[in-house]
Structure formats: C-alpha cells, structure tokens
Amino acid sequence: MSTHLRCTVESMNYSACGMVPGDHFDVIDGNLSIPNGRPFCYFAIANVIPLLSGRLDTPAGQDWLASEPLLACPDPPEALYMRLKRVVDGDQTIAEDAEPNLSKAEEIHD
C-alpha cells in the first residue's frame, strides 16, 4: 500500500519565496514531489520533513496525521501555515491539479 501525504499552504501574511495559498508538495512513499512550475520554500519543507520520520506507516488507531496538523514555516513575519493531510486513493477532497488562489498573491505583490 502506498503512503501519500500532501502539505498545502493554507494562509500567510506574504511569501518571500513566491508561494500562494493552495501551493503544495507531496511525499509519496518517502519521495518528495513538487508540482512543475510552482515554487516551494526549502525552509518550509525542512520544517515539515522531520515530523514525518518514522510516522508514515503508523497504524490507523495511532495515526497523528488523522488530525490534519497545521504547521508553520520557520520565518515568523511570513506567518505561513501549511496543512498536512494523508491522501487516500480516490479522495475527492484533494484535487491533483488545483489552481492556486492568486488573489491573495496579487494583493501582496501590488
């Protein structure tokens, strides 16, 4: 059985790295995947990855990911928050090619 996790940007004050709400990265069977053409902050990724170590194959009753934790980028002024979710085959709540919400990014850069 495949293990697929998605970490999605939910909110932020701004992003020095050019991220917008809806940007995400996936961890699939221990491999990191970022959608083509979209940036994702190395420091934000580095803040999430240690939390996954040894927890990807946790039995359902002990699965801390079921709470869909909210994680923060380590840059305090950005106030960038990401949601970590387990992706289940056939899960319709997570679109593979979701369009990012650019309205927030346009406000930030104007």
PDB file of N, CA and C in Angstrom:
ATOM      1  N   MET A   1       0.825  -1.177   0.000  1.00  0.00           N
ATOM      2  CA  MET A   1       0.000   0.000   0.000  1.00  0.00           C
ATOM      3  C   MET A   1       0.880   1.255   0.000  1.00  0.00           C
ATOM      4  N   SER A   2       0.521   2.199  -0.829  1.00  0.00           N
ATOM      5  CA  SER A   2       1.273   3.426  -0.997  1.00  0.00           C
ATOM      6  C   SER A   2       0.941   4.424   0.118  1.00  0.00           C
ATOM      7  N   THR A   3       1.937   5.174   0.572  1.00  0.00           N
ATOM      8  CA  THR A   3       1.735   6.228   1.541  1.00  0.00           C
ATOM      9  C   THR A   3       1.895   7.558   0.822  1.00  0.00           C
ATOM     10  N   HIS A   4       0.855   8.374   0.853  1.00  0.00           N
ATOM     11  CA  HIS A   4       0.854   9.645   0.135  1.00  0.00           C
ATOM     12  C   HIS A   4       0.390  10.738   1.086  1.00  0.00           C
ATOM     13  N   LEU A   5       1.267  11.716   1.325  1.00  0.00           N
ATOM     14  CA  LEU A   5       0.946  12.857   2.172  1.00  0.00           C
ATOM     15  C   LEU A   5       1.039  14.126   1.344  1.00  0.00           C
ATOM     16  N   ARG A   6       0.197  15.087   1.658  1.00  0.00           N
ATOM     17  CA  ARG A   6       0.240  16.381   0.972  1.00  0.00           C
ATOM     18  C   ARG A   6       0.297  17.487   2.015  1.00  0.00           C
ATOM     19  N   CYS A   7       1.210  18.429   1.795  1.00  0.00           N
ATOM     20  CA  CYS A   7       1.365  19.601   2.646  1.00  0.00           C
ATOM     21  C   CYS A   7       0.991  20.813   1.795  1.00  0.00           C
ATOM     22  N   THR A   8      -0.110  21.495   2.170  1.00  0.00           N
ATOM     23  CA  THR A   8      -0.678  22.573   1.370  1.00  0.00           C
ATOM     24  C   THR A   8      -0.648  23.894   2.135  1.00  0.00           C
ATOM     25  N   VAL A   9      -0.225  24.961   1.463  1.00  0.00           N
ATOM     26  CA  VAL A   9      -0.228  26.294   2.060  1.00  0.00           C
ATOM     27  C   VAL A   9      -1.682  26.718   2.256  1.00  0.00           C
ATOM     28  N   GLU A  10      -2.036  27.048   3.496  1.00  0.00           N
ATOM     29  CA  GLU A  10      -3.403  27.491   3.798  1.00  0.00           C
ATOM     30  C   GLU A  10      -3.518  29.000   3.918  1.00  0.00           C
ATOM     31  N   SER A  11      -2.563  29.623   4.585  1.00  0.00           N
ATOM     32  CA  SER A  11      -2.645  31.068   4.779  1.00  0.00           C
ATOM     33  C   SER A  11      -1.256  31.626   5.029  1.00  0.00           C
ATOM     34  N   MET A  12      -1.145  32.969   4.865  1.00  0.00           N
ATOM     35  CA  MET A  12       0.132  33.636   5.098  1.00  0.00           C
ATOM     36  C   MET A  12      -0.067  35.141   5.082  1.00  0.00           C
ATOM     37  N   ASN A  13       0.890  35.856   5.666  1.00  0.00           N
ATOM     38  CA  ASN A  13       0.928  37.311   5.527  1.00  0.00           C
ATOM     39  C   ASN A  13       1.476  37.658   4.147  1.00  0.00           C
ATOM     40  N   TYR A  14       2.574  37.011   3.800  1.00  0.00           N
ATOM     41  CA  TYR A  14       3.211  37.165   2.500  1.00  0.00           C
ATOM     42  C   TYR A  14       4.178  35.997   2.343  1.00  0.00           C
ATOM     43  N   SER A  15       4.745  35.828   1.163  1.00  0.00           N
ATOM     44  CA  SER A  15       5.742  34.781   0.970  1.00  0.00           C
ATOM     45  C   SER A  15       6.938  35.359   0.235  1.00  0.00           C
ATOM     46  N   ALA A  16       8.088  35.325   0.880  1.00  0.00           N
ATOM     47  CA  ALA A  16       9.323  35.785   0.255  1.00  0.00           C
ATOM     48  C   ALA A  16       9.742  34.850  -0.875  1.00  0.00           C
ATOM     49  N   CYS A  17       9.196  33.635  -0.879  1.00  0.00           N
ATOM     50  CA  CYS A  17       9.568  32.632  -1.878  1.00  0.00           C
ATOM     51  C   CYS A  17       8.588  32.551  -3.048  1.00  0.00           C
ATOM     52  N   GLY A  18       7.550  33.365  -3.050  1.00  0.00           N
ATOM     53  CA  GLY A  18       6.603  33.375  -4.156  1.00  0.00           C
ATOM     54  C   GLY A  18       5.485  32.356  -4.057  1.00  0.00           C
ATOM     55  N   MET A  19       5.296  31.776  -2.896  1.00  0.00           N
ATOM     56  CA  MET A  19       4.211  30.807  -2.732  1.00  0.00           C
ATOM     57  C   MET A  19       2.884  31.529  -2.546  1.00  0.00           C
ATOM     58  N   VAL A  20       1.800  30.836  -2.875  1.00  0.00           N
ATOM     59  CA  VAL A  20       0.437  31.351  -2.684  1.00  0.00           C
ATOM     60  C   VAL A  20      -0.392  30.249  -2.031  1.00  0.00           C
ATOM     61  N   PRO A  21      -1.508  30.622  -1.381  1.00  0.00           N
ATOM     62  CA  PRO A  21      -2.379  29.586  -0.816  1.00  0.00           C
ATOM     63  C   PRO A  21      -2.787  28.582  -1.901  1.00  0.00           C
ATOM     64  N   GLY A  22      -2.725  27.320  -1.536  1.00  0.00           N
ATOM     65  CA  GLY A  22      -3.034  26.246  -2.483  1.00  0.00           C
ATOM     66  C   GLY A  22      -1.783  25.556  -3.009  1.00  0.00           C
ATOM     67  N   ASP A  23      -0.631  26.227  -2.947  1.00  0.00           N
ATOM     68  CA  ASP A  23       0.616  25.560  -3.343  1.00  0.00           C
ATOM     69  C   ASP A  23       0.853  24.389  -2.404  1.00  0.00           C
ATOM     70  N   HIS A  24       1.457  23.335  -2.904  1.00  0.00           N
ATOM     71  CA  HIS A  24       1.660  22.153  -2.077  1.00  0.00           C
ATOM     72  C   HIS A  24       2.876  21.361  -2.531  1.00  0.00           C
ATOM     73  N   PHE A  25       3.301  20.464  -1.661  1.00  0.00           N
ATOM     74  CA  PHE A  25       4.243  19.423  -2.043  1.00  0.00           C
ATOM     75  C   PHE A  25       3.705  18.114  -1.515  1.00  0.00           C
ATOM     76  N   ASP A  26       4.100  17.030  -2.161  1.00  0.00           N
ATOM     77  CA  ASP A  26       3.655  15.693  -1.781  1.00  0.00           C
ATOM     78  C   ASP A  26       4.845  14.862  -1.337  1.00  0.00           C
ATOM     79  N   VAL A  27       4.599  13.972  -0.410  1.00  0.00           N
ATOM     80  CA  VAL A  27       5.567  12.939  -0.043  1.00  0.00           C
ATOM     81  C   VAL A  27       4.868  11.620  -0.335  1.00  0.00           C
ATOM     82  N   ILE A  28       5.388  10.909  -1.339  1.00  0.00           N
ATOM     83  CA  ILE A  28       4.796   9.648  -1.776  1.00  0.00           C
ATOM     84  C   ILE A  28       5.826   8.548  -1.584  1.00  0.00           C
ATOM     85  N   ASP A  29       5.517   7.633  -0.679  1.00  0.00           N
ATOM     86  CA  ASP A  29       6.432   6.534  -0.341  1.00  0.00           C
ATOM     87  C   ASP A  29       7.840   7.044  -0.048  1.00  0.00           C
ATOM     88  N   GLY A  30       7.925   8.156   0.676  1.00  0.00           N
ATOM     89  CA  GLY A  30       9.215   8.695   1.085  1.00  0.00           C
ATOM     90  C   GLY A  30       9.894   9.584   0.061  1.00  0.00           C
ATOM     91  N   ASN A  31       9.284   9.794  -1.097  1.00  0.00           N
ATOM     92  CA  ASN A  31       9.863  10.644  -2.130  1.00  0.00           C
ATOM     93  C   ASN A  31       9.141  11.979  -2.179  1.00  0.00           C
ATOM     94  N   LEU A  32       9.896  13.065  -2.264  1.00  0.00           N
ATOM     95  CA  LEU A  32       9.344  14.407  -2.306  1.00  0.00           C
ATOM     96  C   LEU A  32       8.984  14.784  -3.742  1.00  0.00           C
ATOM     97  N   SER A  33       7.800  15.383  -3.917  1.00  0.00           N
ATOM     98  CA  SER A  33       7.341  15.802  -5.236  1.00  0.00           C
ATOM     99  C   SER A  33       6.724  17.193  -5.126  1.00  0.00           C
ATOM    100  N   ILE A  34       7.179  18.114  -6.001  1.00  0.00           N
ATOM    101  CA  ILE A  34       6.634  19.465  -6.064  1.00  0.00           C
ATOM    102  C   ILE A  34       6.095  19.651  -7.470  1.00  0.00           C
ATOM    103  N   PRO A  35       4.853  20.166  -7.616  1.00  0.00           N
ATOM    104  CA  PRO A  35       4.297  20.354  -8.956  1.00  0.00           C
ATOM    105  C   PRO A  35       5.194  21.229  -9.826  1.00  0.00           C
ATOM    106  N   ASN A  36       5.304  20.892 -11.097  1.00  0.00           N
ATOM    107  CA  ASN A  36       6.135  21.642 -12.039  1.00  0.00           C
ATOM    108  C   ASN A  36       5.721  23.106 -12.102  1.00  0.00           C
ATOM    109  N   GLY A  37       6.703  23.966 -12.103  1.00  0.00           N
ATOM    110  CA  GLY A  37       6.450  25.383 -12.268  1.00  0.00           C
ATOM    111  C   GLY A  37       6.036  26.137 -11.026  1.00  0.00           C
ATOM    112  N   ARG A  38       5.856  25.460  -9.916  1.00  0.00           N
ATOM    113  CA  ARG A  38       5.438  26.116  -8.674  1.00  0.00           C
ATOM    114  C   ARG A  38       6.605  26.132  -7.686  1.00  0.00           C
ATOM    115  N   PRO A  39       6.848  27.260  -7.046  1.00  0.00           N
ATOM    116  CA  PRO A  39       7.908  27.312  -6.038  1.00  0.00           C
ATOM    117  C   PRO A  39       7.427  26.743  -4.708  1.00  0.00           C
ATOM    118  N   PHE A  40       8.343  26.275  -3.908  1.00  0.00           N
ATOM    119  CA  PHE A  40       8.022  25.931  -2.523  1.00  0.00           C
ATOM    120  C   PHE A  40       9.284  26.162  -1.702  1.00  0.00           C
ATOM    121  N   CYS A  41       9.127  26.879  -0.622  1.00  0.00           N
ATOM    122  CA  CYS A  41      10.248  27.293   0.221  1.00  0.00           C
ATOM    123  C   CYS A  41      10.975  26.085   0.830  1.00  0.00           C
ATOM    124  N   TYR A  42      12.269  26.058   0.631  1.00  0.00           N
ATOM    125  CA  TYR A  42      13.105  24.994   1.192  1.00  0.00           C
ATOM    126  C   TYR A  42      12.977  24.949   2.713  1.00  0.00           C
ATOM    127  N   PHE A  43      12.928  26.099   3.370  1.00  0.00           N
ATOM    128  CA  PHE A  43      12.851  26.135   4.825  1.00  0.00           C
ATOM    129  C   PHE A  43      11.512  25.591   5.332  1.00  0.00           C
ATOM    130  N   ALA A  44      10.440  25.858   4.595  1.00  0.00           N
ATOM    131  CA  ALA A  44       9.132  25.314   4.972  1.00  0.00           C
ATOM    132  C   ALA A  44       9.148  23.790   4.855  1.00  0.00           C
ATOM    133  N   ILE A  45       9.718  23.287   3.759  1.00  0.00           N
ATOM    134  CA  ILE A  45       9.827  21.831   3.575  1.00  0.00           C
ATOM    135  C   ILE A  45      10.686  21.232   4.685  1.00  0.00           C
ATOM    136  N   ALA A  46      11.802  21.874   4.973  1.00  0.00           N
ATOM    137  CA  ALA A  46      12.723  21.374   6.002  1.00  0.00           C
ATOM    138  C   ALA A  46      12.071  21.366   7.377  1.00  0.00           C
ATOM    139  N   ASN A  47      11.075  22.195   7.595  1.00  0.00           N
ATOM    140  CA  ASN A  47      10.368  22.228   8.872  1.00  0.00           C
ATOM    141  C   ASN A  47       9.383  21.073   9.003  1.00  0.00           C
ATOM    142  N   VAL A  48       8.879  20.573   7.867  1.00  0.00           N
ATOM    143  CA  VAL A  48       7.870  19.509   7.863  1.00  0.00           C
ATOM    144  C   VAL A  48       8.490  18.114   7.864  1.00  0.00           C
ATOM    145  N   ILE A  49       9.508  17.895   7.064  1.00  0.00           N
ATOM    146  CA  ILE A  49      10.074  16.557   6.841  1.00  0.00           C
ATOM    147  C   ILE A  49      10.468  15.839   8.140  1.00  0.00           C
ATOM    148  N   PRO A  50      11.135  16.489   9.104  1.00  0.00           N
ATOM    149  CA  PRO A  50      11.489  15.755  10.332  1.00  0.00           C
ATOM    150  C   PRO A  50      10.276  15.223  11.094  1.00  0.00           C
ATOM    151  N   LEU A  51       9.129  15.869  10.942  1.00  0.00           N
ATOM    152  CA  LEU A  51       7.923  15.414  11.632  1.00  0.00           C
ATOM    153  C   LEU A  51       7.375  14.121  11.038  1.00  0.00           C
ATOM    154  N   LEU A  52       7.779  13.807   9.820  1.00  0.00           N
ATOM    155  CA  LEU A  52       7.282  12.613   9.143  1.00  0.00           C
ATOM    156  C   LEU A  52       8.134  11.380   9.414  1.00  0.00           C
ATOM    157  N   SER A  53       9.348  11.584   9.807  1.00  0.00           N
ATOM    158  CA  SER A  53      10.282  10.481  10.001  1.00  0.00           C
ATOM    159  C   SER A  53       9.719   9.418  10.942  1.00  0.00           C
ATOM    160  N   GLY A  54       9.568   8.216  10.431  1.00  0.00           N
ATOM    161  CA  GLY A  54       9.092   7.097  11.234  1.00  0.00           C
ATOM    162  C   GLY A  54       7.597   7.101  11.481  1.00  0.00           C
ATOM    163  N   ARG A  55       6.864   8.024  10.877  1.00  0.00           N
ATOM    164  CA  ARG A  55       5.426   8.123  11.147  1.00  0.00           C
ATOM    165  C   ARG A  55       4.566   7.827   9.919  1.00  0.00           C
ATOM    166  N   LEU A  56       5.173   7.518   8.807  1.00  0.00           N
ATOM    167  CA  LEU A  56       4.413   7.344   7.571  1.00  0.00           C
ATOM    168  C   LEU A  56       3.570   6.083   7.558  1.00  0.00           C
ATOM    169  N   ASP A  57       3.982   5.052   8.258  1.00  0.00           N
ATOM    170  CA  ASP A  57       3.261   3.777   8.248  1.00  0.00           C
ATOM    171  C   ASP A  57       2.615   3.477   9.598  1.00  0.00           C
ATOM    172  N   THR A  58       2.173   4.495  10.284  1.00  0.00           N
ATOM    173  CA  THR A  58       1.548   4.335  11.594  1.00  0.00           C
ATOM    174  C   THR A  58       0.188   3.660  11.451  1.00  0.00           C
ATOM    175  N   PRO A  59      -0.116   2.686  12.306  1.00  0.00           N
ATOM    176  CA  PRO A  59      -1.438   2.058  12.266  1.00  0.00           C
ATOM    177  C   PRO A  59      -2.550   3.096  12.444  1.00  0.00           C
ATOM    178  N   ALA A  60      -3.698   2.843  11.833  1.00  0.00           N
ATOM    179  CA  ALA A  60      -4.807   3.812  11.799  1.00  0.00           C
ATOM    180  C   ALA A  60      -5.193   4.332  13.182  1.00  0.00           C
ATOM    181  N   GLY A  61      -5.222   3.498  14.191  1.00  0.00           N
ATOM    182  CA  GLY A  61      -5.621   3.921  15.525  1.00  0.00           C
ATOM    183  C   GLY A  61      -4.643   4.866  16.190  1.00  0.00           C
ATOM    184  N   GLN A  62      -3.406   4.881  15.704  1.00  0.00           N
ATOM    185  CA  GLN A  62      -2.376   5.730  16.290  1.00  0.00           C
ATOM    186  C   GLN A  62      -1.915   6.808  15.313  1.00  0.00           C
ATOM    187  N   ASP A  63      -2.684   7.067  14.291  1.00  0.00           N
ATOM    188  CA  ASP A  63      -2.280   7.965  13.218  1.00  0.00           C
ATOM    189  C   ASP A  63      -2.464   9.422  13.613  1.00  0.00           C
ATOM    190  N   TRP A  64      -1.389  10.104  14.001  1.00  0.00           N
ATOM    191  CA  TRP A  64      -1.463  11.514  14.379  1.00  0.00           C
ATOM    192  C   TRP A  64      -1.800  12.389  13.191  1.00  0.00           C
ATOM    193  N   LEU A  65      -1.577  11.884  11.968  1.00  0.00           N
ATOM    194  CA  LEU A  65      -1.913  12.653  10.770  1.00  0.00           C
ATOM    195  C   LEU A  65      -3.426  12.771  10.570  1.00  0.00           C
ATOM    196  N   ALA A  66      -4.195  11.917  11.219  1.00  0.00           N
ATOM    197  CA  ALA A  66      -5.651  11.974  11.089  1.00  0.00           C
ATOM    198  C   ALA A  66      -6.192  13.314  11.599  1.00  0.00           C
ATOM    199  N   SER A  67      -5.453  13.977  12.466  1.00  0.00           N
ATOM    200  CA  SER A  67      -5.873  15.289  12.970  1.00  0.00           C
ATOM    201  C   SER A  67      -5.572  16.403  11.975  1.00  0.00           C
ATOM    202  N   GLU A  68      -4.915  16.073  10.864  1.00  0.00           N
ATOM    203  CA  GLU A  68      -4.535  17.035   9.826  1.00  0.00           C
ATOM    204  C   GLU A  68      -3.858  18.259  10.447  1.00  0.00           C
ATOM    205  N   PRO A  69      -2.654  18.053  11.008  1.00  0.00           N
ATOM    206  CA  PRO A  69      -1.981  19.123  11.740  1.00  0.00           C
ATOM    207  C   PRO A  69      -1.677  20.342  10.870  1.00  0.00           C
ATOM    208  N   LEU A  70      -1.692  21.501  11.512  1.00  0.00           N
ATOM    209  CA  LEU A  70      -1.329  22.759  10.885  1.00  0.00           C
ATOM    210  C   LEU A  70       0.105  23.054  11.291  1.00  0.00           C
ATOM    211  N   LEU A  71       0.967  23.285  10.310  1.00  0.00           N
ATOM    212  CA  LEU A  71       2.388  23.502  10.551  1.00  0.00           C
ATOM    213  C   LEU A  71       2.779  24.892  10.068  1.00  0.00           C
ATOM    214  N   ALA A  72       3.839  25.445  10.619  1.00  0.00           N
ATOM    215  CA  ALA A  72       4.261  26.792  10.269  1.00  0.00           C
ATOM    216  C   ALA A  72       5.626  26.794   9.604  1.00  0.00           C
ATOM    217  N   CYS A  73       5.813  27.734   8.699  1.00  0.00           N
ATOM    218  CA  CYS A  73       7.129  27.999   8.134  1.00  0.00           C
ATOM    219  C   CYS A  73       7.956  28.646   9.249  1.00  0.00           C
ATOM    220  N   PRO A  74       9.255  28.407   9.298  1.00  0.00           N
ATOM    221  CA  PRO A  74      10.044  28.962  10.400  1.00  0.00           C
ATOM    222  C   PRO A  74      10.309  30.465  10.317  1.00  0.00           C
ATOM    223  N   ASP A  75       9.848  31.154   9.261  1.00  0.00           N
ATOM    224  CA  ASP A  75      10.052  32.597   9.132  1.00  0.00           C
ATOM    225  C   ASP A  75       8.855  33.327   9.757  1.00  0.00           C
ATOM    226  N   PRO A  76       8.966  33.825  10.995  1.00  0.00           N
ATOM    227  CA  PRO A  76       7.819  34.386  11.706  1.00  0.00           C
ATOM    228  C   PRO A  76       7.067  35.501  10.974  1.00  0.00           C
ATOM    229  N   PRO A  77       7.727  36.480  10.332  1.00  0.00           N
ATOM    230  CA  PRO A  77       6.949  37.553   9.690  1.00  0.00           C
ATOM    231  C   PRO A  77       6.032  37.065   8.563  1.00  0.00           C
ATOM    232  N   GLU A  78       6.390  35.968   7.913  1.00  0.00           N
ATOM    233  CA  GLU A  78       5.541  35.447   6.845  1.00  0.00           C
ATOM    234  C   GLU A  78       4.230  34.883   7.383  1.00  0.00           C
ATOM    235  N   ALA A  79       4.258  34.358   8.591  1.00  0.00           N
ATOM    236  CA  ALA A  79       3.085  33.718   9.196  1.00  0.00           C
ATOM    237  C   ALA A  79       2.447  32.753   8.191  1.00  0.00           C
ATOM    238  N   LEU A  80       3.271  31.928   7.573  1.00  0.00           N
ATOM    239  CA  LEU A  80       2.819  30.968   6.561  1.00  0.00           C
ATOM    240  C   LEU A  80       2.462  29.652   7.251  1.00  0.00           C
ATOM    241  N   TYR A  81       1.221  29.212   7.052  1.00  0.00           N
ATOM    242  CA  TYR A  81       0.740  27.986   7.672  1.00  0.00           C
ATOM    243  C   TYR A  81       0.368  26.968   6.614  1.00  0.00           C
ATOM    244  N   MET A  82       0.738  25.716   6.877  1.00  0.00           N
ATOM    245  CA  MET A  82       0.509  24.613   5.940  1.00  0.00           C
ATOM    246  C   MET A  82      -0.260  23.512   6.633  1.00  0.00           C
ATOM    247  N   ARG A  83      -1.167  22.878   5.912  1.00  0.00           N
ATOM    248  CA  ARG A  83      -1.954  21.755   6.431  1.00  0.00           C
ATOM    249  C   ARG A  83      -1.354  20.470   5.892  1.00  0.00           C
ATOM    250  N   LEU A  84      -1.127  19.508   6.771  1.00  0.00           N
ATOM    251  CA  LEU A  84      -0.589  18.208   6.384  1.00  0.00           C
ATOM    252  C   LEU A  84      -1.717  17.191   6.402  1.00  0.00           C
ATOM    253  N   LYS A  85      -1.948  16.531   5.261  1.00  0.00           N
ATOM    254  CA  LYS A  85      -3.034  15.549   5.148  1.00  0.00           C
ATOM    255  C   LYS A  85      -2.528  14.265   4.502  1.00  0.00           C
ATOM    256  N   ARG A  86      -3.132  13.181   4.916  1.00  0.00           N
ATOM    257  CA  ARG A  86      -2.893  11.905   4.252  1.00  0.00           C
ATOM    258  C   ARG A  86      -3.837  11.836   3.054  1.00  0.00           C
ATOM    259  N   VAL A  87      -3.305  11.529   1.875  1.00  0.00           N
ATOM    260  CA  VAL A  87      -4.112  11.395   0.666  1.00  0.00           C
ATOM    261  C   VAL A  87      -4.473   9.926   0.502  1.00  0.00           C
ATOM    262  N   VAL A  88      -5.758   9.664   0.426  1.00  0.00           N
ATOM    263  CA  VAL A  88      -6.251   8.303   0.273  1.00  0.00           C
ATOM    264  C   VAL A  88      -6.672   8.122  -1.181  1.00  0.00           C
ATOM    265  N   ASP A  89      -6.365   6.975  -1.776  1.00  0.00           N
ATOM    266  CA  ASP A  89      -6.766   6.715  -3.158  1.00  0.00           C
ATOM    267  C   ASP A  89      -8.240   7.009  -3.324  1.00  0.00           C
ATOM    268  N   GLY A  90      -8.576   7.783  -4.343  1.00  0.00           N
ATOM    269  CA  GLY A  90      -9.974   8.109  -4.611  1.00  0.00           C
ATOM    270  C   GLY A  90     -10.496   9.270  -3.791  1.00  0.00           C
ATOM    271  N   ASP A  91      -9.635   9.916  -2.982  1.00  0.00           N
ATOM    272  CA  ASP A  91     -10.068  11.050  -2.174  1.00  0.00           C
ATOM    273  C   ASP A  91     -10.376  12.227  -3.089  1.00  0.00           C
ATOM    274  N   GLN A  92     -11.628  12.647  -3.114  1.00  0.00           N
ATOM    275  CA  GLN A  92     -12.057  13.737  -3.990  1.00  0.00           C
ATOM    276  C   GLN A  92     -11.857  15.107  -3.361  1.00  0.00           C
ATOM    277  N   THR A  93     -11.451  15.153  -2.098  1.00  0.00           N
ATOM    278  CA  THR A  93     -11.308  16.442  -1.443  1.00  0.00           C
ATOM    279  C   THR A  93      -9.991  17.110  -1.786  1.00  0.00           C
ATOM    280  N   ILE A  94      -9.057  16.388  -2.363  1.00  0.00           N
ATOM    281  CA  ILE A  94      -7.759  16.951  -2.711  1.00  0.00           C
ATOM    282  C   ILE A  94      -7.578  16.836  -4.215  1.00  0.00           C
ATOM    283  N   ALA A  95      -7.666  17.944  -4.902  1.00  0.00           N
ATOM    284  CA  ALA A  95      -7.522  17.943  -6.361  1.00  0.00           C
ATOM    285  C   ALA A  95      -6.043  17.904  -6.723  1.00  0.00           C
ATOM    286  N   GLU A  96      -5.690  17.029  -7.631  1.00  0.00           N
ATOM    287  CA  GLU A  96      -4.290  16.879  -8.027  1.00  0.00           C
ATOM    288  C   GLU A  96      -3.738  18.135  -8.695  1.00  0.00           C
ATOM    289  N   ASP A  97      -4.541  18.802  -9.508  1.00  0.00           N
ATOM    290  CA  ASP A  97      -4.066  19.971 -10.236  1.00  0.00           C
ATOM    291  C   ASP A  97      -4.840  21.211  -9.829  1.00  0.00           C
ATOM    292  N   ALA A  98      -5.026  21.395  -8.539  1.00  0.00           N
ATOM    293  CA  ALA A  98      -5.795  22.539  -8.050  1.00  0.00           C
ATOM    294  C   ALA A  98      -5.110  23.841  -8.434  1.00  0.00           C
ATOM    295  N   GLU A  99      -5.896  24.797  -8.879  1.00  0.00           N
ATOM    296  CA  GLU A  99      -5.370  26.105  -9.222  1.00  0.00           C
ATOM    297  C   GLU A  99      -5.128  26.875  -7.925  1.00  0.00           C
ATOM    298  N   PRO A 100      -3.973  27.525  -7.794  1.00  0.00           N
ATOM    299  CA  PRO A 100      -3.731  28.304  -6.587  1.00  0.00           C
ATOM    300  C   PRO A 100      -4.612  29.547  -6.558  1.00  0.00           C
ATOM    301  N   ASN A 101      -4.876  30.031  -5.358  1.00  0.00           N
ATOM    302  CA  ASN A 101      -5.655  31.249  -5.184  1.00  0.00           C
ATOM    303  C   ASN A 101      -4.716  32.424  -5.378  1.00  0.00           C
ATOM    304  N   LEU A 102      -4.753  33.026  -6.562  1.00  0.00           N
ATOM    305  CA  LEU A 102      -3.818  34.088  -6.892  1.00  0.00           C
ATOM    306  C   LEU A 102      -4.246  35.447  -6.359  1.00  0.00           C
ATOM    307  N   SER A 103      -5.495  35.604  -5.950  1.00  0.00           N
ATOM    308  CA  SER A 103      -5.952  36.911  -5.494  1.00  0.00           C
ATOM    309  C   SER A 103      -5.139  37.399  -4.293  1.00  0.00           C
ATOM    310  N   LYS A 104      -4.824  36.518  -3.365  1.00  0.00           N
ATOM    311  CA  LYS A 104      -4.025  36.879  -2.198  1.00  0.00           C
ATOM    312  C   LYS A 104      -2.625  37.276  -2.623  1.00  0.00           C
ATOM    313  N   ALA A 105      -2.026  36.531  -3.557  1.00  0.00           N
ATOM    314  CA  ALA A 105      -0.676  36.841  -4.024  1.00  0.00           C
ATOM    315  C   ALA A 105      -0.650  38.180  -4.756  1.00  0.00           C
ATOM    316  N   GLU A 106      -1.697  38.474  -5.538  1.00  0.00           N
ATOM    317  CA  GLU A 106      -1.756  39.734  -6.266  1.00  0.00           C
ATOM    318  C   GLU A 106      -1.840  40.901  -5.302  1.00  0.00           C
ATOM    319  N   GLU A 107      -2.593  40.746  -4.199  1.00  0.00           N
ATOM    320  CA  GLU A 107      -2.682  41.796  -3.188  1.00  0.00           C
ATOM    321  C   GLU A 107      -1.325  42.039  -2.555  1.00  0.00           C
ATOM    322  N   ILE A 108      -0.592  40.975  -2.301  1.00  0.00           N
ATOM    323  CA  ILE A 108       0.701  41.068  -1.618  1.00  0.00           C
ATOM    324  C   ILE A 108       1.725  41.765  -2.496  1.00  0.00           C
ATOM    325  N   HIS A 109       1.713  41.467  -3.799  1.00  0.00           N
ATOM    326  CA  HIS A 109       2.741  41.982  -4.702  1.00  0.00           C
ATOM    327  C   HIS A 109       2.391  43.347  -5.282  1.00  0.00           C
ATOM    328  N   ASP A 110       1.160  43.819  -5.108  1.00  0.00           N
ATOM    329  CA  ASP A 110       0.774  45.138  -5.650  1.00  0.00           C
ATOM    330  C   ASP A 110       1.214  46.261  -4.746  1.00  0.00           C
TER     331      ASP A 110
END
